[in-house]
Amino acid sequence: MGGLIKFLPFTYTAMLVGSLSLLATPWLSGFYSKDLIIELAYGQYSFTGIYAYILGSLTAGLTAFYSFRLISLVFLTVPNGIKNVYLNSHESNLAVIIPLFVLALFSIFFGFVFSDLFVGVGSDFFGNSIFINPNNISIIEAEFSLPLLIKLLPSILSLFGASLAIYLYHVNPEFVINLTDSSLGRNIYTFLNGKYFFDVIYNHYFIAASLKTGYTISKVLDRGVIELLGPYGLASALSNTAINIAKLDTGVITTYSLYITLGLLSLVFLVFAPILIDTSLLSEIRLIIIYIAALFFVLLPNFNKTL
């Protein structure tokens, strides 16, 4: 919206104090927690600790940048909203103002007054309620051994990020606007505005691939394996086989003669196959086939008489 500092002075003050504490301004409450955590990471003197220190310092600068970008765009710049919205803008009621006022006071004074009590060297405020392994105690290193530049780097980056945001979005906003005049600037703006295209890559390569995989599983595995090879498929195969076999009963004598001839030829082939083809498996079951065939020819006349 812009220009709300004249309509919401208390809200602006509370957000300014909160933003200054968030970017770890020296002697505000955020300084005694945020900077200490970053210093303790470096005080581990390990790759992971230094890596965390670098990321934490860079993140501190980015946090200060977007926090004061918010302050500039909402409160400091020229009004960009609808006139009726500005005319109806007002501070919140006491139920919101009082907690904000208390939080703002704590953000200013609490860290400076009670820092030694909570995180001071040799403080026994927590007593035995929190056990810290001696190998993980690095507050002595962070307090006395770190170079001054290492201690001040997060604060320097935070102040630089806040100053850069105020300059780009309040003092000289034309600089940001003019960046999109060139094709390179527009491409960079598109890339950043598109959130590094993470959503495009995620939706195109992960979501689409997952949907295709789900469709394949549903149509091929569920329907193909379960329906065609599972109980449904077995029942359908047996039913279709029975229907096809039933169709062989045509009632025509010549058809039956053809079936008998084909059966005899198949039986003769199975009986004499071990002689024609040298296979040990067929040789083993030859006697069984002859026995079953003989039994069939013996029982067939008695079965016809019964019918």
Protein backbone atom coordinates (compact mmCIF):
# COMPACT_ATOMS: atom_id res chain seq x y z
CA MET A 1 0.00 0.00 0.00
CA GLY A 2 2.61 2.56 1.07
CA GLY A 3 2.35 5.75 3.10
CA LEU A 4 0.74 4.12 6.15
CA ILE A 5 3.17 5.72 8.62
CA LYS A 6 0.85 8.72 8.94
CA PHE A 7 -2.24 6.56 9.48
CA LEU A 8 -0.75 3.82 11.69
CA PRO A 9 2.12 5.40 13.65
CA PHE A 10 1.98 2.97 16.58
CA THR A 11 1.83 -0.08 14.30
CA TYR A 12 4.79 1.32 12.36
CA THR A 13 6.78 1.81 15.59
CA ALA A 14 6.01 -1.72 16.83
CA MET A 15 6.95 -3.28 13.48
CA LEU A 16 10.13 -1.17 13.30
CA VAL A 17 11.20 -2.30 16.79
CA GLY A 18 10.39 -5.92 15.92
CA SER A 19 12.31 -5.71 12.65
CA LEU A 20 15.35 -4.14 14.36
CA SER A 21 15.32 -6.91 16.95
CA LEU A 22 14.84 -9.54 14.25
CA LEU A 23 17.93 -8.41 12.35
CA ALA A 24 19.94 -8.63 15.61
CA THR A 25 20.65 -4.93 16.08
CA PRO A 26 23.29 -4.60 18.84
CA TRP A 27 21.88 -4.30 22.38
CA LEU A 28 18.36 -5.30 21.32
CA SER A 29 16.97 -8.65 22.45
CA GLY A 30 17.49 -10.37 19.11
CA PHE A 31 21.20 -9.57 19.26
CA TYR A 32 21.72 -11.68 22.38
CA SER A 33 20.06 -14.76 20.92
CA LYS A 34 20.57 -14.68 17.16
CA ASP A 35 24.21 -13.54 17.12
CA LEU A 36 25.10 -15.87 19.96
CA ILE A 37 23.74 -18.88 18.08
CA ILE A 38 25.79 -17.96 15.00
CA GLU A 39 28.93 -17.41 17.10
CA LEU A 40 28.45 -20.74 18.88
CA ALA A 41 28.26 -22.46 15.51
CA TYR A 42 31.64 -21.01 14.51
CA GLY A 43 33.02 -21.83 17.96
CA GLN A 44 32.66 -25.56 17.21
CA TYR A 45 35.69 -25.27 14.86
CA SER A 46 34.27 -27.93 12.55
CA PHE A 47 33.17 -28.00 8.94
CA THR A 48 29.49 -28.21 9.85
CA GLY A 49 29.87 -25.39 12.38
CA ILE A 50 31.60 -23.04 9.93
CA TYR A 51 29.09 -24.00 7.24
CA ALA A 52 26.22 -23.14 9.62
CA TYR A 53 27.97 -19.87 10.50
CA ILE A 54 28.24 -18.84 6.83
CA LEU A 55 24.62 -19.74 6.08
CA GLY A 56 23.43 -18.03 9.27
CA SER A 57 25.33 -14.84 8.48
CA LEU A 58 24.01 -14.69 4.90
CA THR A 59 20.50 -15.45 6.11
CA ALA A 60 20.79 -12.63 8.65
CA GLY A 61 21.52 -10.20 5.81
CA LEU A 62 18.60 -11.52 3.73
CA THR A 63 16.28 -11.35 6.75
CA ALA A 64 17.20 -7.71 7.32
CA PHE A 65 16.69 -6.99 3.63
CA TYR A 66 13.16 -8.38 3.34
CA SER A 67 12.15 -7.01 6.77
CA PHE A 68 13.02 -3.42 5.83
CA ARG A 69 11.72 -3.96 2.32
CA LEU A 70 8.38 -4.61 4.05
CA ILE A 71 8.77 -1.47 6.19
CA SER A 72 9.60 0.62 3.11
CA LEU A 73 6.80 -0.68 0.87
CA VAL A 74 4.07 -0.59 3.51
CA PHE A 75 4.88 2.51 5.57
CA LEU A 76 7.48 4.77 3.95
CA THR A 77 6.85 4.97 0.21
CA VAL A 78 4.18 7.09 -1.45
CA PRO A 79 0.59 5.86 -1.08
CA ASN A 80 -0.35 3.31 -3.76
CA GLY A 81 -3.68 2.07 -2.45
CA ILE A 82 -7.28 3.17 -2.85
CA LYS A 83 -8.25 6.44 -1.17
CA ASN A 84 -11.22 4.88 0.61
CA VAL A 85 -8.91 2.31 2.20
CA TYR A 86 -6.67 5.04 3.62
CA LEU A 87 -9.64 6.98 4.95
CA ASN A 88 -10.80 3.88 6.87
CA SER A 89 -7.35 2.95 8.17
CA HIS A 90 -6.97 3.15 11.95
CA GLU A 91 -5.00 1.65 14.81
CA SER A 92 -6.15 -1.56 16.44
CA ASN A 93 -8.02 -1.62 19.72
CA LEU A 94 -6.37 -1.90 23.14
CA ALA A 95 -6.54 -5.71 23.10
CA VAL A 96 -3.91 -5.61 20.33
CA ILE A 97 -2.05 -2.42 21.22
CA ILE A 98 -1.17 -3.46 24.79
CA PRO A 99 0.47 -6.82 23.84
CA LEU A 100 2.34 -5.11 20.99
CA PHE A 101 3.56 -2.42 23.38
CA VAL A 102 4.76 -5.01 25.91
CA LEU A 103 6.51 -7.04 23.19
CA ALA A 104 8.17 -3.91 21.84
CA LEU A 105 9.49 -2.98 25.30
CA PHE A 106 10.79 -6.52 25.82
CA SER A 107 12.45 -6.43 22.39
CA ILE A 108 14.33 -3.29 23.40
CA PHE A 109 15.31 -3.94 27.04
CA PHE A 110 14.90 -7.61 27.91
CA GLY A 111 18.02 -8.90 26.14
CA PHE A 112 20.29 -6.19 27.54
CA VAL A 113 19.02 -6.54 31.11
CA PHE A 114 18.73 -10.35 31.38
CA SER A 115 21.33 -11.61 28.90
CA ASP A 116 23.88 -12.54 31.58
CA LEU A 117 21.19 -14.36 33.52
CA PHE A 118 20.27 -16.65 30.63
CA VAL A 119 23.40 -16.98 28.47
CA GLY A 120 26.14 -15.43 30.57
CA VAL A 121 29.40 -17.29 31.13
CA GLY A 122 29.07 -19.36 34.30
CA SER A 123 25.36 -18.61 34.72
CA ASP A 124 23.50 -21.29 36.69
CA PHE A 125 20.04 -19.86 36.01
CA PHE A 126 18.74 -23.11 34.52
CA GLY A 127 20.52 -25.18 37.17
CA ASN A 128 20.09 -28.90 36.56
CA SER A 129 16.96 -28.50 34.46
CA ILE A 130 19.00 -28.59 31.26
CA PHE A 131 21.95 -30.96 30.92
CA ILE A 132 24.60 -30.00 28.38
CA ASN A 133 27.30 -32.46 27.48
CA PRO A 134 30.72 -30.91 28.25
CA ASN A 135 31.82 -31.69 24.69
CA ASN A 136 29.08 -29.38 23.40
CA ILE A 137 29.96 -26.38 25.58
CA SER A 138 31.53 -23.86 23.22
CA ILE A 139 30.38 -20.61 24.83
CA ILE A 140 33.89 -19.94 26.20
CA GLU A 141 35.34 -20.17 22.70
CA ALA A 142 32.56 -17.99 21.30
CA GLU A 143 33.01 -15.40 24.05
CA PHE A 144 36.78 -15.01 24.23
CA SER A 145 38.50 -16.74 21.29
CA LEU A 146 36.68 -15.60 18.15
CA PRO A 147 38.15 -12.72 16.11
CA LEU A 148 36.26 -9.44 16.25
CA LEU A 149 35.37 -9.62 12.55
CA ILE A 150 33.76 -13.03 13.01
CA LYS A 151 31.66 -11.66 15.86
CA LEU A 152 30.58 -8.54 13.97
CA LEU A 153 30.04 -10.08 10.51
CA PRO A 154 26.36 -11.12 11.09
CA SER A 155 25.55 -7.62 12.41
CA ILE A 156 27.40 -5.97 9.52
CA LEU A 157 25.51 -8.05 6.97
CA SER A 158 22.22 -7.30 8.74
CA LEU A 159 22.82 -3.55 8.72
CA PHE A 160 23.93 -3.74 5.09
CA GLY A 161 20.79 -5.65 4.09
CA ALA A 162 18.51 -3.20 5.92
CA SER A 163 20.27 -0.18 4.41
CA LEU A 164 20.14 -1.68 0.93
CA ALA A 165 16.41 -2.35 1.23
CA ILE A 166 15.68 1.23 2.36
CA TYR A 167 17.80 2.63 -0.47
CA LEU A 168 16.29 0.43 -3.20
CA TYR A 169 12.65 0.71 -2.17
CA HIS A 170 12.42 4.14 -0.54
CA VAL A 171 15.31 6.44 -1.43
CA ASN A 172 15.86 5.38 -5.04
CA PRO A 173 13.04 3.06 -6.19
CA GLU A 174 13.71 4.00 -9.84
CA PHE A 175 16.82 1.81 -9.73
CA VAL A 176 14.78 -1.37 -9.22
CA ILE A 177 12.23 -0.28 -11.83
CA ASN A 178 14.92 0.45 -14.41
CA LEU A 179 16.44 -3.00 -13.94
CA THR A 180 13.63 -4.51 -16.03
CA ASP A 181 14.30 -2.24 -19.01
CA SER A 182 16.85 -4.66 -20.45
CA SER A 183 16.22 -8.25 -21.53
CA LEU A 184 18.71 -9.51 -18.96
CA GLY A 185 16.93 -7.63 -16.20
CA ARG A 186 13.54 -8.99 -17.29
CA ASN A 187 14.92 -12.53 -17.36
CA ILE A 188 16.39 -12.14 -13.89
CA TYR A 189 13.12 -10.65 -12.63
CA THR A 190 11.15 -13.52 -14.20
CA PHE A 191 13.50 -16.05 -12.64
CA LEU A 192 13.25 -14.52 -9.17
CA ASN A 193 9.54 -13.77 -9.41
CA GLY A 194 8.96 -17.37 -10.49
CA LYS A 195 10.59 -18.58 -7.24
CA TYR A 196 13.57 -20.01 -9.11
CA PHE A 197 11.08 -22.10 -11.13
CA PHE A 198 10.97 -24.66 -8.35
CA ASP A 199 7.20 -25.00 -8.75
CA VAL A 200 7.53 -25.51 -12.51
CA ILE A 201 10.23 -28.15 -12.11
CA TYR A 202 8.37 -29.84 -9.26
CA ASN A 203 5.04 -29.92 -11.08
CA HIS A 204 6.51 -30.95 -14.43
CA TYR A 205 8.98 -33.62 -13.35
CA PHE A 206 7.68 -34.87 -10.01
CA ILE A 207 3.92 -34.32 -9.92
CA ALA A 208 3.37 -35.27 -13.59
CA ALA A 209 5.63 -38.32 -13.25
CA SER A 210 3.80 -39.36 -10.08
CA LEU A 211 0.42 -39.04 -11.79
CA LYS A 212 1.62 -41.09 -14.76
CA THR A 213 3.03 -43.73 -12.44
CA GLY A 214 -0.22 -43.84 -10.49
CA TYR A 215 -2.20 -44.17 -13.71
CA THR A 216 0.06 -47.00 -14.89
CA ILE A 217 -0.23 -48.80 -11.57
CA SER A 218 -4.00 -48.40 -11.59
CA LYS A 219 -4.52 -49.54 -15.17
CA VAL A 220 -1.73 -52.07 -15.64
CA LEU A 221 -1.03 -53.55 -12.22
CA ASP A 222 -4.39 -53.26 -10.49
CA ARG A 223 -6.51 -54.01 -13.51
CA GLY A 224 -4.00 -56.15 -15.39
CA VAL A 225 -2.62 -58.29 -12.58
CA ILE A 226 -5.50 -58.36 -10.12
CA GLU A 227 -8.39 -58.43 -12.57
CA LEU A 228 -6.84 -60.50 -15.36
CA LEU A 229 -4.54 -62.79 -13.34
CA GLY A 230 -6.30 -62.66 -10.00
CA PRO A 231 -9.61 -64.25 -8.94
CA TYR A 232 -11.59 -62.32 -11.53
CA GLY A 233 -9.20 -63.28 -14.31
CA LEU A 234 -9.16 -66.96 -13.27
CA ALA A 235 -12.95 -67.13 -13.11
CA SER A 236 -13.26 -65.43 -16.49
CA ALA A 237 -10.65 -67.76 -18.05
CA LEU A 238 -12.42 -70.88 -16.73
CA SER A 239 -15.81 -69.58 -17.83
CA ASN A 240 -14.58 -68.72 -21.32
CA THR A 241 -12.80 -72.07 -21.62
CA ALA A 242 -15.98 -73.91 -20.63
CA ILE A 243 -17.99 -71.95 -23.19
CA ASN A 244 -15.46 -72.71 -25.92
CA ILE A 245 -15.41 -76.41 -25.06
CA ALA A 246 -19.21 -76.49 -25.02
CA LYS A 247 -19.21 -75.10 -28.54
CA LEU A 248 -17.39 -78.27 -29.70
CA ASP A 249 -20.58 -80.25 -29.04
CA THR A 250 -22.16 -79.57 -32.44
CA GLY A 251 -24.25 -82.76 -32.75
CA VAL A 252 -22.72 -83.52 -36.16
CA ILE A 253 -21.29 -87.05 -36.60
CA THR A 254 -18.56 -85.97 -39.00
CA THR A 255 -17.32 -83.47 -36.43
CA TYR A 256 -17.17 -86.18 -33.78
CA SER A 257 -15.26 -88.43 -36.22
CA LEU A 258 -12.78 -85.63 -36.75
CA TYR A 259 -12.33 -85.26 -32.97
CA ILE A 260 -11.75 -89.02 -32.61
CA THR A 261 -9.22 -89.01 -35.44
CA LEU A 262 -7.33 -86.06 -33.99
CA GLY A 263 -7.35 -87.73 -30.58
CA LEU A 264 -5.99 -91.00 -31.94
CA LEU A 265 -3.26 -89.19 -33.88
CA SER A 266 -2.30 -87.24 -30.77
CA LEU A 267 -2.27 -90.42 -28.67
CA VAL A 268 -0.10 -92.23 -31.22
CA PHE A 269 2.29 -89.28 -31.31
CA LEU A 270 2.57 -89.18 -27.53
CA VAL A 271 3.14 -92.94 -27.31
CA PHE A 272 5.81 -93.08 -30.00
CA ALA A 273 7.38 -89.68 -29.35
CA PRO A 274 10.17 -91.14 -27.16
CA ILE A 275 11.25 -93.23 -30.13
CA LEU A 276 11.17 -90.34 -32.58
CA ILE A 277 12.57 -87.75 -30.19
CA ASP A 278 15.33 -88.71 -27.78
CA THR A 279 14.00 -87.12 -24.60
CA SER A 280 14.49 -88.55 -21.19
CA LEU A 281 11.36 -86.87 -19.82
CA LEU A 282 9.09 -88.43 -22.45
CA SER A 283 10.79 -91.78 -21.92
CA GLU A 284 9.94 -91.69 -18.25
CA ILE A 285 6.24 -90.98 -18.72
CA ARG A 286 5.71 -93.22 -21.75
CA LEU A 287 4.38 -96.12 -19.68
CA ILE A 288 2.00 -93.81 -17.84
CA ILE A 289 0.61 -92.48 -21.13
CA ILE A 290 0.16 -96.02 -22.50
CA TYR A 291 -1.59 -97.05 -19.28
CA ILE A 292 -3.99 -94.10 -19.38
CA ALA A 293 -4.72 -94.66 -23.08
CA ALA A 294 -5.40 -98.37 -22.55
CA LEU A 295 -7.63 -97.59 -19.60
CA PHE A 296 -9.54 -95.10 -21.73
CA PHE A 297 -10.18 -97.61 -24.54
CA VAL A 298 -11.25 -100.29 -22.02
CA LEU A 299 -13.70 -98.08 -20.18
CA LEU A 300 -15.13 -96.30 -23.25
CA PRO A 301 -17.36 -99.22 -24.45
CA ASN A 302 -18.77 -99.78 -20.95
CA PHE A 303 -19.50 -96.05 -20.69
CA ASN A 304 -21.37 -96.08 -24.03
CA LYS A 305 -23.44 -99.07 -22.89
CA THR A 306 -24.41 -97.24 -19.75
CA LEU A 307 -25.61 -94.24 -21.77
